[in-house]
Protein backbone atom coordinates (compact mmCIF):
# COMPACT_ATOMS: atom_id res chain seq x y z
CA UNK A 1 27.18 -24.39 29.87
CA UNK A 2 28.21 -25.29 33.35
CA UNK A 3 26.36 -28.17 34.97
CA UNK A 4 24.78 -26.10 37.74
CA UNK A 5 22.68 -24.21 35.14
CA UNK A 6 22.04 -27.04 32.70
CA UNK A 7 18.33 -27.31 33.57
CA UNK A 8 17.54 -23.64 34.10
CA UNK A 9 17.00 -20.42 32.20
CA UNK A 10 20.39 -19.16 33.42
CA UNK A 11 22.34 -20.14 30.32
CA UNK A 12 22.91 -19.14 26.69
CA UNK A 13 20.49 -21.62 25.17
CA UNK A 14 16.78 -22.10 24.76
CA UNK A 15 15.41 -24.67 27.20
CA UNK A 16 11.91 -25.77 26.15
CA UNK A 17 9.68 -28.06 28.17
CA UNK A 18 8.34 -30.56 25.62
CA UNK A 19 5.06 -30.66 27.55
CA UNK A 20 3.97 -27.41 25.90
CA UNK A 21 4.85 -28.58 22.39
CA UNK A 22 2.80 -31.70 22.95
CA UNK A 23 -0.13 -29.71 24.38
CA UNK A 24 -0.19 -26.93 21.80
CA UNK A 25 0.58 -29.16 18.83
CA UNK A 26 0.22 -26.17 16.50
CA UNK A 27 2.64 -24.01 14.60
CA UNK A 28 1.41 -20.95 16.50
CA UNK A 29 1.76 -22.69 19.86
CA UNK A 30 5.30 -23.72 18.99
CA UNK A 31 6.18 -20.16 17.97
CA UNK A 32 4.65 -18.82 21.17
CA UNK A 33 6.65 -21.23 23.32
CA UNK A 34 9.87 -20.48 21.44
CA UNK A 35 9.27 -16.73 21.73
CA UNK A 36 8.65 -17.07 25.48
CA UNK A 37 11.82 -19.10 25.93
CA UNK A 38 13.83 -16.79 23.66
CA UNK A 39 13.10 -13.96 26.09
CA UNK A 40 14.69 -16.05 28.86
CA UNK A 41 17.80 -16.29 26.69
CA UNK A 42 17.74 -12.54 26.05
CA UNK A 43 17.23 -11.91 29.75
CA UNK A 44 20.31 -13.98 30.59
CA UNK A 45 22.40 -12.19 27.96
CA UNK A 46 21.20 -8.71 28.99
CA UNK A 47 21.28 -9.22 32.74
CA UNK A 48 24.33 -11.44 33.13
CA UNK A 49 26.56 -11.45 30.06
CA UNK A 50 26.28 -7.77 29.10
CA UNK A 51 25.45 -6.23 32.46
CA UNK A 52 28.06 -4.28 34.35
CA UNK A 53 26.18 -5.27 37.51
CA UNK A 54 26.05 -9.03 36.92
CA UNK A 55 26.87 -10.09 40.48
CA UNK A 56 23.44 -9.04 41.78
CA UNK A 57 21.67 -10.18 38.64
CA UNK A 58 22.30 -13.84 39.42
CA UNK A 59 19.52 -13.53 42.01
CA UNK A 60 16.78 -12.73 39.50
CA UNK A 61 13.34 -13.76 40.73
CA UNK A 62 11.18 -16.15 38.77
CA UNK A 63 8.22 -13.73 38.78
CA UNK A 64 10.36 -11.06 37.08
CA UNK A 65 11.79 -13.30 34.36
CA UNK A 66 8.43 -14.96 33.64
CA UNK A 67 6.70 -11.57 33.59
CA UNK A 68 9.06 -10.44 30.82
CA UNK A 69 8.53 -13.67 28.86
CA UNK A 70 4.76 -13.38 29.02
CA UNK A 71 4.97 -9.71 28.06
CA UNK A 72 6.98 -10.68 24.98
CA UNK A 73 4.15 -13.04 24.03
CA UNK A 74 1.61 -10.30 24.78
CA UNK A 75 3.37 -7.64 22.73
CA UNK A 76 3.75 -9.94 19.72
CA UNK A 77 0.42 -11.79 19.98
CA UNK A 78 -0.83 -10.67 16.57
CA UNK A 79 2.50 -11.16 14.80
CA UNK A 80 2.83 -14.69 16.19
CA UNK A 81 -0.77 -15.54 15.31
CA UNK A 82 -1.64 -16.36 18.91
CA UNK A 83 -5.39 -16.78 19.33
CA UNK A 84 -6.92 -15.10 22.37
CA UNK A 85 -7.65 -18.37 24.16
CA UNK A 86 -3.88 -19.12 24.16
CA UNK A 87 -2.66 -15.57 24.81
CA UNK A 88 -1.29 -14.54 28.20
CA UNK A 89 -4.33 -12.30 28.70
CA UNK A 90 -6.45 -15.44 28.88
CA UNK A 91 -4.78 -16.22 32.22
CA UNK A 92 -6.30 -13.14 33.85
CA UNK A 93 -9.14 -15.29 35.20
CA UNK A 94 -6.53 -16.92 37.48
CA UNK A 95 -5.37 -13.47 38.54
CA UNK A 96 -8.95 -12.45 39.33
CA UNK A 97 -9.54 -15.61 41.35
CA UNK A 98 -6.23 -15.69 43.23
CA UNK A 99 -5.02 -12.08 43.35
CA UNK A 100 -4.38 -12.02 47.10
CA UNK A 101 -1.69 -14.68 46.63
CA UNK A 102 0.56 -12.20 44.79
CA UNK A 103 3.57 -13.18 42.70
CA UNK A 104 6.50 -13.36 45.10
CA UNK A 105 5.97 -17.00 46.05
CA UNK A 106 6.29 -18.90 42.79
CA UNK A 107 4.05 -21.93 42.73
CA UNK A 108 6.00 -24.40 40.67
CA UNK A 109 4.01 -27.55 41.19
CA UNK A 110 4.17 -30.15 38.48
CA UNK A 111 0.45 -29.75 37.84
CA UNK A 112 0.14 -28.13 34.39
CA UNK A 113 -3.58 -28.79 34.22
CA UNK A 114 -5.75 -25.75 33.43
CA UNK A 115 -6.34 -25.29 37.18
CA UNK A 116 -2.75 -25.97 38.23
CA UNK A 117 -0.98 -23.84 40.84
CA UNK A 118 1.79 -22.78 38.47
CA UNK A 119 -0.74 -20.92 36.33
CA UNK A 120 -1.66 -18.76 39.32
CA UNK A 121 1.93 -17.56 39.51
CA UNK A 122 2.12 -16.92 35.77
CA UNK A 123 -1.19 -15.07 35.84
CA UNK A 124 -0.24 -12.83 38.74
CA UNK A 125 3.14 -11.94 37.21
CA UNK A 126 1.59 -11.34 33.82
CA UNK A 127 -1.17 -9.13 35.24
CA UNK A 128 1.38 -6.88 36.93
CA UNK A 129 3.51 -6.67 33.78
CA UNK A 130 0.50 -5.98 31.58
CA UNK A 131 -0.53 -3.19 33.95
CA UNK A 132 2.96 -1.66 33.71
CA UNK A 133 3.02 -2.00 29.92
CA UNK A 134 -0.36 -0.37 29.42
CA UNK A 135 -0.10 2.40 32.00
CA UNK A 136 3.52 3.51 32.43
CA UNK A 137 5.31 3.71 29.11
CA UNK A 138 4.34 0.89 26.77
CA UNK A 139 7.01 -1.05 24.93
CA UNK A 140 9.57 1.65 25.81
CA UNK A 141 9.19 0.83 29.51
CA UNK A 142 9.50 -2.90 28.90
CA UNK A 143 12.65 -2.30 26.84
CA UNK A 144 14.14 -0.30 29.73
CA UNK A 145 13.23 -3.03 32.23
CA UNK A 146 14.69 -5.74 29.99
CA UNK A 147 17.91 -3.92 29.17
CA UNK A 148 18.93 -2.06 32.32
CA UNK A 149 21.60 -3.38 34.70
CA UNK A 150 19.16 -4.39 37.43
CA UNK A 151 16.57 -7.06 38.16
CA UNK A 152 13.32 -7.38 40.05
CA UNK A 153 12.00 -4.33 41.91
CA UNK A 154 15.14 -2.24 41.29
CA UNK A 155 14.95 -2.87 37.54
CA UNK A 156 11.36 -1.61 37.41
CA UNK A 157 12.13 1.46 39.53
CA UNK A 158 15.16 2.30 37.38
CA UNK A 159 13.15 1.85 34.17
CA UNK A 160 10.38 4.13 35.42
CA UNK A 161 12.93 6.76 36.41
CA UNK A 162 14.71 6.53 33.05
CA UNK A 163 11.43 7.47 31.36
CA UNK A 164 10.98 10.49 33.62
CA UNK A 165 8.34 8.91 35.84
CA UNK A 166 8.63 9.94 39.46
CA UNK A 167 7.53 6.50 40.64
CA UNK A 168 9.06 3.46 42.30
CA UNK A 169 8.21 -0.22 42.12
CA UNK A 170 6.21 0.15 45.35
CA UNK A 171 4.23 3.05 43.87
CA UNK A 172 3.13 1.11 40.80
CA UNK A 173 2.52 -2.10 42.74
């Protein structure tokens, strides 16, 4: 990889923060983390390597990429053996407490404690993605979002339209 992307999700490799392996310390937690990070790899391949529109894709927002990674965990919770207390849905309490903060400003503080700011961002992105998944097309919608040639709001609008929904990102938000 080139050096400007060596510590990011914008490369063809799986970049795993060892903090989560040390915290989870279980086979299921390791699988969950790897699955989450594998989606980042897939996102890079789909949105940059294979996309015919890869110039605009380089500006993918963190909320969008993390939403897709948490949805991959959510969709495969049972298969991965993820217990509810470790599932993305368990972060909805952060969403309920901090909903007005939204997901556009990613809180990336180094505080990974259970009350850390970064979990607010993950929770808000996950809640929006879970809402889309469960109300506007299921796994088929998520596949369209993940594989179309767009990112962020445009990707969601295009995915909705491809499934025959007469809705935009703003409508579902």
